[in-house]
Amino acid sequence: MWKNLSLLHLYKLIYSHLHCYQHQAFEDFGASIFSEGMAPGIESSEGNNKMSKGYQYPSWKKKLTGLVVDNEELCRMVEKGIMGLCGVETQAVETGEAAVELIASGATFDIIVIDRFLPSMTGPETARKMREMGVESKIIGLFALYFEGDEEEFVAAGVDDFKEKPLSPNWLVPMLRELDN
């Protein structure tokens, strides 16, 4: 069954079962990330901008790395998968503490995506701690439910931007282009 399931359909299936995501946002998922002009071309023996099974996989001038911090396993898996499809070599951790430990061990990332609601150390607290440690990565705060004051808390913590879930190639790919230049 899974072998015959397209990647787009698999993501739709996963997202439709996640309480923290809105299925509607995936209506144009395939077209938004893999359409011509949205993602950079893929280098292949056949030349640039080749499609593989209908998808155009991005490639970048430099190797982009990312970190996903989300305590919900399925969300973490999907977010890591989307970043991977966008050409980002991605690690994922479950807690803010684990993210801080990873940074303290010397790991560096171009982009860090942090969920707002994490156990013990919240997303903004995690971002604040990372900034105090000297992290200069682009940090994006994610939230499934927006409450008044969330924007201010994220901004005060030093995040570069905050977005409502789901992680979307519509805003991720332009950020990655910026990081790649």
N, C-alpha and C. Protein backbone atom coordinates (compact mmCIF):
# COMPACT_ATOMS: atom_id res chain seq x y z
N MET A 1 0.82 -1.20 0.00
CA MET A 1 0.00 0.00 0.00
C MET A 1 0.86 1.26 0.00
N TRP A 2 1.83 1.36 0.92
CA TRP A 2 2.64 2.57 1.05
C TRP A 2 3.52 2.79 -0.17
N LYS A 3 3.93 1.70 -0.83
CA LYS A 3 4.80 1.81 -1.99
C LYS A 3 4.13 2.57 -3.11
N ASN A 4 2.84 2.40 -3.28
CA ASN A 4 2.11 3.06 -4.36
C ASN A 4 1.58 4.43 -3.98
N LEU A 5 1.83 4.86 -2.77
CA LEU A 5 1.34 6.14 -2.29
C LEU A 5 2.35 7.23 -2.66
N SER A 6 1.92 8.27 -3.34
CA SER A 6 2.83 9.35 -3.71
C SER A 6 3.23 10.12 -2.45
N LEU A 7 4.34 10.81 -2.55
CA LEU A 7 4.82 11.60 -1.42
C LEU A 7 3.80 12.66 -1.02
N LEU A 8 3.21 13.31 -1.98
CA LEU A 8 2.19 14.32 -1.69
C LEU A 8 1.03 13.71 -0.92
N HIS A 9 0.56 12.55 -1.36
CA HIS A 9 -0.56 11.90 -0.68
C HIS A 9 -0.18 11.44 0.72
N LEU A 10 1.06 11.00 0.89
CA LEU A 10 1.52 10.60 2.21
C LEU A 10 1.50 11.80 3.17
N TYR A 11 2.00 12.95 2.70
CA TYR A 11 1.98 14.14 3.55
C TYR A 11 0.56 14.58 3.85
N LYS A 12 -0.32 14.51 2.86
CA LYS A 12 -1.71 14.87 3.11
C LYS A 12 -2.32 13.93 4.15
N LEU A 13 -2.02 12.66 4.05
CA LEU A 13 -2.54 11.68 5.01
C LEU A 13 -2.04 12.01 6.42
N ILE A 14 -0.76 12.23 6.54
CA ILE A 14 -0.18 12.54 7.85
C ILE A 14 -0.77 13.84 8.39
N TYR A 15 -0.79 14.89 7.57
CA TYR A 15 -1.28 16.17 8.03
C TYR A 15 -2.76 16.12 8.39
N SER A 16 -3.52 15.35 7.66
CA SER A 16 -4.95 15.30 7.95
C SER A 16 -5.23 14.64 9.30
N HIS A 17 -4.27 13.89 9.81
CA HIS A 17 -4.44 13.23 11.09
C HIS A 17 -3.77 13.97 12.25
N LEU A 18 -3.12 15.07 11.95
CA LEU A 18 -2.48 15.84 13.00
C LEU A 18 -3.42 16.92 13.50
N HIS A 19 -3.66 16.93 14.80
CA HIS A 19 -4.53 17.97 15.35
C HIS A 19 -3.89 19.34 15.28
N CYS A 20 -2.58 19.40 15.19
CA CYS A 20 -1.90 20.69 15.25
C CYS A 20 -1.75 21.36 13.89
N TYR A 21 -2.22 20.71 12.82
CA TYR A 21 -2.09 21.29 11.50
C TYR A 21 -3.45 21.44 10.84
N GLN A 22 -3.50 22.32 9.91
CA GLN A 22 -4.73 22.53 9.15
C GLN A 22 -4.54 21.89 7.78
N HIS A 23 -5.39 20.94 7.45
CA HIS A 23 -5.28 20.22 6.18
C HIS A 23 -5.39 21.16 4.98
N GLN A 24 -6.14 22.20 5.08
CA GLN A 24 -6.36 23.12 3.97
C GLN A 24 -5.05 23.67 3.42
N ALA A 25 -4.07 23.87 4.25
CA ALA A 25 -2.82 24.47 3.82
C ALA A 25 -2.07 23.59 2.84
N PHE A 26 -2.45 22.32 2.72
CA PHE A 26 -1.75 21.42 1.82
C PHE A 26 -2.41 21.32 0.45
N GLU A 27 -3.44 22.10 0.20
CA GLU A 27 -4.13 22.04 -1.09
C GLU A 27 -3.16 22.19 -2.25
N ASP A 28 -2.25 23.14 -2.16
CA ASP A 28 -1.32 23.39 -3.25
C ASP A 28 0.11 23.01 -2.90
N PHE A 29 0.29 22.07 -1.98
CA PHE A 29 1.63 21.71 -1.52
C PHE A 29 2.54 21.33 -2.67
N GLY A 30 2.13 20.39 -3.50
CA GLY A 30 2.98 19.93 -4.60
C GLY A 30 3.35 21.06 -5.53
N ALA A 31 2.38 21.85 -5.90
CA ALA A 31 2.64 22.94 -6.83
C ALA A 31 3.50 24.02 -6.21
N SER A 32 3.33 24.29 -4.93
CA SER A 32 4.04 25.40 -4.31
C SER A 32 5.53 25.14 -4.16
N ILE A 33 5.92 23.92 -3.85
CA ILE A 33 7.34 23.68 -3.64
C ILE A 33 8.03 23.21 -4.90
N PHE A 34 7.34 22.47 -5.73
CA PHE A 34 8.01 21.81 -6.84
C PHE A 34 7.69 22.42 -8.19
N SER A 35 7.01 23.56 -8.21
CA SER A 35 6.71 24.18 -9.49
C SER A 35 7.93 24.93 -9.99
N GLU A 36 7.98 25.13 -11.25
CA GLU A 36 9.12 25.82 -11.85
C GLU A 36 9.22 27.23 -11.29
N GLY A 37 10.40 27.62 -10.94
CA GLY A 37 10.64 28.97 -10.43
C GLY A 37 10.56 29.06 -8.92
N MET A 38 9.92 28.12 -8.24
CA MET A 38 9.80 28.18 -6.79
C MET A 38 11.06 27.61 -6.14
N ALA A 39 11.50 26.48 -6.61
CA ALA A 39 12.68 25.84 -6.04
C ALA A 39 13.78 25.85 -7.08
N PRO A 40 15.03 25.98 -6.64
CA PRO A 40 16.12 25.94 -7.59
C PRO A 40 16.18 24.58 -8.28
N GLY A 41 16.83 24.55 -9.42
CA GLY A 41 16.89 23.32 -10.21
C GLY A 41 17.79 22.27 -9.61
N ILE A 42 17.60 21.05 -10.06
CA ILE A 42 18.41 19.93 -9.60
C ILE A 42 19.48 19.65 -10.64
N GLU A 43 20.68 19.43 -10.19
CA GLU A 43 21.76 19.05 -11.07
C GLU A 43 21.62 17.57 -11.36
N SER A 44 21.67 17.19 -12.61
CA SER A 44 21.62 15.78 -12.95
C SER A 44 22.36 15.58 -14.26
N SER A 45 22.56 14.33 -14.63
CA SER A 45 23.23 14.03 -15.89
C SER A 45 22.41 14.54 -17.07
N GLU A 46 21.13 14.80 -16.84
CA GLU A 46 20.25 15.30 -17.89
C GLU A 46 20.19 16.82 -17.90
N GLY A 47 20.90 17.49 -17.03
CA GLY A 47 20.90 18.94 -16.98
C GLY A 47 20.10 19.47 -15.80
N ASN A 48 19.98 20.80 -15.71
CA ASN A 48 19.26 21.44 -14.62
C ASN A 48 17.76 21.40 -14.81
N ASN A 49 17.06 21.63 -13.71
CA ASN A 49 15.60 21.73 -13.68
C ASN A 49 14.89 20.49 -14.21
N LYS A 50 15.48 19.34 -13.97
CA LYS A 50 14.83 18.10 -14.38
C LYS A 50 13.87 17.66 -13.30
N MET A 51 12.81 17.08 -13.75
CA MET A 51 11.80 16.60 -12.82
C MET A 51 11.99 15.12 -12.60
N SER A 52 11.77 14.65 -11.40
CA SER A 52 11.84 13.24 -11.08
C SER A 52 10.47 12.83 -10.56
N LYS A 53 9.76 12.03 -11.32
CA LYS A 53 8.42 11.60 -10.95
C LYS A 53 7.51 12.80 -10.66
N GLY A 54 7.68 13.88 -11.42
CA GLY A 54 6.80 15.03 -11.28
C GLY A 54 7.25 16.06 -10.26
N TYR A 55 8.31 15.79 -9.52
CA TYR A 55 8.75 16.73 -8.50
C TYR A 55 10.10 17.32 -8.88
N GLN A 56 10.28 18.59 -8.66
CA GLN A 56 11.55 19.24 -8.88
C GLN A 56 12.20 19.42 -7.52
N TYR A 57 13.28 18.72 -7.29
CA TYR A 57 13.94 18.77 -6.00
C TYR A 57 14.93 19.91 -5.97
N PRO A 58 14.92 20.71 -4.91
CA PRO A 58 15.81 21.86 -4.85
C PRO A 58 17.27 21.47 -4.60
N SER A 59 18.16 22.27 -5.11
CA SER A 59 19.57 22.17 -4.77
C SER A 59 20.05 23.60 -4.53
N TRP A 60 21.05 23.74 -3.72
CA TRP A 60 21.52 25.06 -3.33
C TRP A 60 23.01 25.19 -3.63
N LYS A 61 23.50 26.42 -3.67
CA LYS A 61 24.93 26.66 -3.90
C LYS A 61 25.77 26.11 -2.75
N LYS A 62 25.26 26.26 -1.54
CA LYS A 62 25.97 25.73 -0.38
C LYS A 62 25.07 24.71 0.32
N LYS A 63 25.67 23.90 1.15
CA LYS A 63 24.90 22.91 1.91
C LYS A 63 24.17 23.63 3.04
N LEU A 64 22.84 23.60 3.00
CA LEU A 64 22.04 24.22 4.04
C LEU A 64 21.69 23.18 5.10
N THR A 65 21.78 23.60 6.36
CA THR A 65 21.47 22.71 7.47
C THR A 65 20.36 23.31 8.32
N GLY A 66 19.56 22.45 8.91
CA GLY A 66 18.45 22.93 9.72
C GLY A 66 18.22 22.08 10.95
N LEU A 67 17.53 22.67 11.90
CA LEU A 67 17.15 21.99 13.13
C LEU A 67 15.66 22.22 13.34
N VAL A 68 14.94 21.13 13.61
CA VAL A 68 13.53 21.19 13.95
C VAL A 68 13.40 20.86 15.43
N VAL A 69 12.70 21.70 16.18
CA VAL A 69 12.46 21.47 17.61
C VAL A 69 10.95 21.42 17.80
N ASP A 70 10.43 20.21 18.00
CA ASP A 70 8.99 20.03 18.15
C ASP A 70 8.76 18.78 18.98
N ASN A 71 7.95 18.88 20.02
CA ASN A 71 7.73 17.74 20.91
C ASN A 71 6.73 16.73 20.36
N GLU A 72 5.97 17.09 19.35
CA GLU A 72 4.99 16.18 18.76
C GLU A 72 5.70 15.36 17.67
N GLU A 73 5.76 14.05 17.85
CA GLU A 73 6.55 13.19 16.96
C GLU A 73 6.15 13.31 15.50
N LEU A 74 4.86 13.25 15.20
CA LEU A 74 4.43 13.35 13.80
C LEU A 74 4.73 14.73 13.22
N CYS A 75 4.53 15.76 13.99
CA CYS A 75 4.86 17.11 13.51
C CYS A 75 6.35 17.20 13.20
N ARG A 76 7.16 16.69 14.11
CA ARG A 76 8.61 16.70 13.94
C ARG A 76 9.00 15.95 12.66
N MET A 77 8.41 14.80 12.45
CA MET A 77 8.70 13.99 11.28
C MET A 77 8.32 14.72 9.99
N VAL A 78 7.13 15.30 9.97
CA VAL A 78 6.67 16.01 8.78
C VAL A 78 7.51 17.27 8.53
N GLU A 79 7.79 18.03 9.57
CA GLU A 79 8.59 19.25 9.41
C GLU A 79 9.99 18.91 8.91
N LYS A 80 10.59 17.87 9.46
CA LYS A 80 11.91 17.44 9.00
C LYS A 80 11.83 16.98 7.55
N GLY A 81 10.77 16.27 7.20
CA GLY A 81 10.60 15.80 5.83
C GLY A 81 10.44 16.94 4.85
N ILE A 82 9.66 17.94 5.21
CA ILE A 82 9.47 19.09 4.31
C ILE A 82 10.78 19.84 4.14
N MET A 83 11.51 20.03 5.22
CA MET A 83 12.80 20.72 5.10
C MET A 83 13.75 19.90 4.22
N GLY A 84 13.71 18.59 4.37
CA GLY A 84 14.53 17.72 3.53
C GLY A 84 14.15 17.85 2.06
N LEU A 85 12.85 17.87 1.78
CA LEU A 85 12.39 18.04 0.40
C LEU A 85 12.79 19.41 -0.16
N CYS A 86 12.97 20.37 0.72
CA CYS A 86 13.41 21.69 0.30
C CYS A 86 14.93 21.79 0.20
N GLY A 87 15.61 20.67 0.36
CA GLY A 87 17.05 20.63 0.17
C GLY A 87 17.87 20.96 1.41
N VAL A 88 17.28 20.85 2.59
CA VAL A 88 17.97 21.19 3.83
C VAL A 88 18.32 19.90 4.58
N GLU A 89 19.59 19.71 4.90
CA GLU A 89 20.00 18.58 5.73
C GLU A 89 19.55 18.90 7.16
N THR A 90 18.62 18.13 7.67
CA THR A 90 17.91 18.51 8.90
C THR A 90 18.04 17.48 10.01
N GLN A 91 18.25 17.98 11.21
CA GLN A 91 18.17 17.18 12.43
C GLN A 91 16.90 17.61 13.17
N ALA A 92 16.39 16.72 13.99
CA ALA A 92 15.17 17.06 14.75
C ALA A 92 15.34 16.58 16.19
N VAL A 93 14.87 17.41 17.11
CA VAL A 93 14.88 17.07 18.53
C VAL A 93 13.51 17.35 19.12
N GLU A 94 13.27 16.75 20.28
CA GLU A 94 11.95 16.79 20.91
C GLU A 94 11.75 17.95 21.89
N THR A 95 12.83 18.44 22.47
CA THR A 95 12.69 19.45 23.51
C THR A 95 13.64 20.63 23.30
N GLY A 96 13.32 21.73 23.95
CA GLY A 96 14.21 22.88 23.93
C GLY A 96 15.55 22.56 24.58
N GLU A 97 15.51 21.78 25.65
CA GLU A 97 16.76 21.39 26.32
C GLU A 97 17.67 20.60 25.38
N ALA A 98 17.08 19.68 24.61
CA ALA A 98 17.87 18.88 23.68
C ALA A 98 18.47 19.77 22.58
N ALA A 99 17.72 20.77 22.15
CA ALA A 99 18.22 21.70 21.14
C ALA A 99 19.40 22.51 21.69
N VAL A 100 19.26 23.00 22.91
CA VAL A 100 20.32 23.78 23.54
C VAL A 100 21.56 22.91 23.74
N GLU A 101 21.38 21.67 24.16
CA GLU A 101 22.51 20.74 24.32
C GLU A 101 23.22 20.49 23.00
N LEU A 102 22.44 20.34 21.94
CA LEU A 102 23.02 20.11 20.62
C LEU A 102 23.86 21.31 20.19
N ILE A 103 23.35 22.51 20.40
CA ILE A 103 24.09 23.74 20.08
C ILE A 103 25.34 23.83 20.95
N ALA A 104 25.21 23.53 22.23
CA ALA A 104 26.35 23.59 23.15
C ALA A 104 27.45 22.61 22.75
N SER A 105 27.06 21.51 22.10
CA SER A 105 28.06 20.51 21.68
C SER A 105 28.81 20.95 20.43
N GLY A 106 28.43 22.09 19.87
CA GLY A 106 29.14 22.62 18.71
C GLY A 106 28.39 22.54 17.40
N ALA A 107 27.20 21.97 17.40
CA ALA A 107 26.41 21.88 16.16
C ALA A 107 25.98 23.28 15.72
N THR A 108 26.01 23.51 14.43
CA THR A 108 25.57 24.78 13.87
C THR A 108 24.56 24.51 12.76
N PHE A 109 23.66 25.46 12.58
CA PHE A 109 22.59 25.31 11.61
C PHE A 109 22.36 26.63 10.91
N ASP A 110 21.90 26.55 9.67
CA ASP A 110 21.53 27.77 8.94
C ASP A 110 20.16 28.25 9.36
N ILE A 111 19.25 27.31 9.62
CA ILE A 111 17.88 27.65 9.99
C ILE A 111 17.42 26.73 11.11
N ILE A 112 16.71 27.32 12.07
CA ILE A 112 16.17 26.56 13.20
C ILE A 112 14.68 26.88 13.29
N VAL A 113 13.88 25.83 13.33
CA VAL A 113 12.43 25.97 13.42
C VAL A 113 12.00 25.43 14.79
N ILE A 114 11.37 26.29 15.58
CA ILE A 114 11.03 25.94 16.96
C ILE A 114 9.53 26.07 17.19
N ASP A 115 8.92 25.01 17.69
CA ASP A 115 7.50 25.04 18.04
C ASP A 115 7.30 25.93 19.26
N ARG A 116 6.21 26.62 19.32
CA ARG A 116 5.89 27.51 20.44
C ARG A 116 5.69 26.75 21.74
N PHE A 117 4.95 25.65 21.66
CA PHE A 117 4.57 24.93 22.87
C PHE A 117 5.42 23.69 23.06
N LEU A 118 6.49 23.82 23.80
CA LEU A 118 7.37 22.71 24.14
C LEU A 118 7.26 22.46 25.64
N PRO A 119 7.50 21.23 26.09
CA PRO A 119 7.44 20.96 27.52
C PRO A 119 8.63 21.60 28.25
N SER A 120 8.45 22.02 29.43
CA SER A 120 9.42 22.66 30.33
C SER A 120 10.03 23.93 29.76
N MET A 121 10.85 23.88 28.74
CA MET A 121 11.43 25.08 28.13
C MET A 121 10.62 25.38 26.86
N THR A 122 9.87 26.49 26.85
CA THR A 122 9.02 26.82 25.71
C THR A 122 9.86 27.20 24.49
N GLY A 123 9.19 27.35 23.36
CA GLY A 123 9.88 27.77 22.15
C GLY A 123 10.59 29.10 22.30
N PRO A 124 9.91 30.14 22.80
CA PRO A 124 10.59 31.42 23.00
C PRO A 124 11.75 31.32 24.00
N GLU A 125 11.59 30.54 25.06
CA GLU A 125 12.69 30.37 26.02
C GLU A 125 13.89 29.68 25.36
N THR A 126 13.60 28.71 24.50
CA THR A 126 14.66 28.01 23.77
C THR A 126 15.39 28.97 22.85
N ALA A 127 14.64 29.77 22.11
CA ALA A 127 15.25 30.75 21.19
C ALA A 127 16.09 31.76 21.97
N ARG A 128 15.57 32.24 23.10
CA ARG A 128 16.30 33.20 23.92
C ARG A 128 17.63 32.61 24.39
N LYS A 129 17.59 31.37 24.86
CA LYS A 129 18.80 30.70 25.33
C LYS A 129 19.81 30.54 24.19
N MET A 130 19.32 30.19 23.02
CA MET A 130 20.22 30.04 21.86
C MET A 130 20.87 31.37 21.51
N ARG A 131 20.11 32.44 21.53
CA ARG A 131 20.68 33.76 21.23
C ARG A 131 21.72 34.15 22.29
N GLU A 132 21.43 33.82 23.55
CA GLU A 132 22.40 34.10 24.62
C GLU A 132 23.69 33.32 24.42
N MET A 133 23.59 32.16 23.77
CA MET A 133 24.76 31.32 23.48
C MET A 133 25.51 31.81 22.24
N GLY A 134 24.99 32.84 21.58
CA GLY A 134 25.65 33.39 20.41
C GLY A 134 25.20 32.81 19.08
N VAL A 135 24.11 32.08 19.07
CA VAL A 135 23.61 31.49 17.83
C VAL A 135 23.14 32.60 16.90
N GLU A 136 23.65 32.57 15.66
CA GLU A 136 23.28 33.57 14.66
C GLU A 136 22.39 33.00 13.56
N SER A 137 21.97 31.76 13.71
CA SER A 137 21.11 31.10 12.72
C SER A 137 19.80 31.87 12.57
N LYS A 138 19.15 31.68 11.43
CA LYS A 138 17.80 32.21 11.26
C LYS A 138 16.90 31.32 12.11
N ILE A 139 16.17 31.91 13.05
CA ILE A 139 15.28 31.15 13.93
C ILE A 139 13.84 31.53 13.61
N ILE A 140 13.05 30.49 13.33
CA ILE A 140 11.64 30.68 13.01
C ILE A 140 10.81 30.04 14.11
N GLY A 141 9.92 30.79 14.71
CA GLY A 141 9.00 30.26 15.70
C GLY A 141 7.73 29.78 15.01
N LEU A 142 7.29 28.58 15.36
CA LEU A 142 6.06 28.01 14.79
C LEU A 142 5.00 27.90 15.88
N PHE A 143 3.76 28.12 15.50
CA PHE A 143 2.68 27.91 16.46
C PHE A 143 1.48 27.33 15.74
N ALA A 144 0.81 26.40 16.42
CA ALA A 144 -0.40 25.80 15.87
C ALA A 144 -1.62 26.64 16.24
N LEU A 145 -1.57 27.20 17.42
CA LEU A 145 -2.65 28.06 17.91
C LEU A 145 -2.03 29.40 18.29
N TYR A 146 -2.60 30.46 17.77
CA TYR A 146 -2.07 31.79 18.04
C TYR A 146 -2.84 32.43 19.18
N PHE A 147 -2.09 32.88 20.18
CA PHE A 147 -2.68 33.60 21.29
C PHE A 147 -2.10 35.00 21.32
N GLU A 148 -2.89 35.94 21.80
CA GLU A 148 -2.41 37.31 21.91
C GLU A 148 -1.14 37.32 22.77
N GLY A 149 -0.13 37.98 22.28
CA GLY A 149 1.13 38.06 23.00
C GLY A 149 2.19 37.11 22.48
N ASP A 150 1.80 36.11 21.68
CA ASP A 150 2.77 35.16 21.13
C ASP A 150 3.82 35.87 20.27
N GLU A 151 3.36 36.77 19.42
CA GLU A 151 4.28 37.50 18.53
C GLU A 151 5.31 38.27 19.36
N GLU A 152 4.85 39.00 20.35
CA GLU A 152 5.75 39.79 21.18
C GLU A 152 6.74 38.91 21.93
N GLU A 153 6.27 37.77 22.43
CA GLU A 153 7.15 36.86 23.17
C GLU A 153 8.24 36.29 22.26
N PHE A 154 7.86 35.90 21.05
CA PHE A 154 8.85 35.39 20.09
C PHE A 154 9.85 36.47 19.70
N VAL A 155 9.36 37.67 19.41
CA VAL A 155 10.24 38.77 19.01
C VAL A 155 11.21 39.11 20.15
N ALA A 156 10.70 39.18 21.37
CA ALA A 156 11.55 39.48 22.53
C ALA A 156 12.61 38.40 22.74
N ALA A 157 12.31 37.17 22.32
CA ALA A 157 13.25 36.06 22.47
C ALA A 157 14.33 36.07 21.40
N GLY A 158 14.15 36.88 20.37
CA GLY A 158 15.19 36.99 19.34
C GLY A 158 14.95 36.17 18.09
N VAL A 159 13.73 35.68 17.88
CA VAL A 159 13.47 34.95 16.64
C VAL A 159 13.43 35.92 15.47
N ASP A 160 13.76 35.42 14.30
CA ASP A 160 13.76 36.26 13.10
C ASP A 160 12.38 36.40 12.51
N ASP A 161 11.57 35.37 12.70
CA ASP A 161 10.22 35.38 12.15
C ASP A 161 9.41 34.34 12.90
N PHE A 162 8.11 34.44 12.79
CA PHE A 162 7.25 33.41 13.37
C PHE A 162 6.13 33.16 12.39
N LYS A 163 5.74 31.91 12.31
CA LYS A 163 4.74 31.49 11.33
C LYS A 163 3.77 30.52 11.97
N GLU A 164 2.57 30.51 11.41
CA GLU A 164 1.57 29.55 11.84
C GLU A 164 1.83 28.23 11.13
N LYS A 165 1.65 27.12 11.86
CA LYS A 165 1.78 25.81 11.24
C LYS A 165 0.69 25.65 10.21
N PRO A 166 0.91 24.89 9.18
CA PRO A 166 2.01 23.98 8.95
C PRO A 166 3.22 24.69 8.34
N LEU A 167 4.37 24.07 8.53
CA LEU A 167 5.59 24.50 7.86
C LEU A 167 5.27 24.49 6.37
N SER A 168 5.49 25.61 5.72
CA SER A 168 5.06 25.73 4.33
C SER A 168 6.22 26.08 3.40
N PRO A 169 6.35 25.35 2.31
CA PRO A 169 7.36 25.70 1.31
C PRO A 169 7.14 27.10 0.74
N ASN A 170 5.91 27.60 0.79
CA ASN A 170 5.61 28.94 0.28
C ASN A 170 6.44 30.01 0.97
N TRP A 171 6.70 29.88 2.25
CA TRP A 171 7.54 30.85 2.94
C TRP A 171 8.93 30.29 3.25
N LEU A 172 9.07 28.98 3.32
CA LEU A 172 10.37 28.39 3.63
C LEU A 172 11.36 28.54 2.48
N VAL A 173 10.96 28.24 1.25
CA VAL A 173 11.87 28.29 0.11
C VAL A 173 12.45 29.69 -0.08
N PRO A 174 11.67 30.77 -0.02
CA PRO A 174 12.28 32.12 -0.14
C PRO A 174 13.30 32.40 0.99
N MET A 175 13.03 31.92 2.20
CA MET A 175 13.99 32.08 3.29
C MET A 175 15.28 31.32 2.99
N LEU A 176 15.14 30.13 2.43
CA LEU A 176 16.32 29.33 2.10
C LEU A 176 17.12 29.99 0.98
N ARG A 177 16.43 30.57 0.01
CA ARG A 177 17.12 31.30 -1.05
C ARG A 177 17.96 32.43 -0.46
N GLU A 178 17.38 33.13 0.48
CA GLU A 178 18.08 34.23 1.16
C GLU A 178 19.31 33.70 1.89
N LEU A 179 19.17 32.59 2.57
CA LEU A 179 20.30 32.00 3.29
C LEU A 179 21.39 31.49 2.36
N ASP A 180 21.00 31.07 1.16
CA ASP A 180 21.93 30.50 0.20
C ASP A 180 22.76 31.58 -0.50
N ASN A 181 22.31 32.82 -0.45
CA ASN A 181 23.06 33.90 -1.12
C ASN A 181 24.04 34.57 -0.22
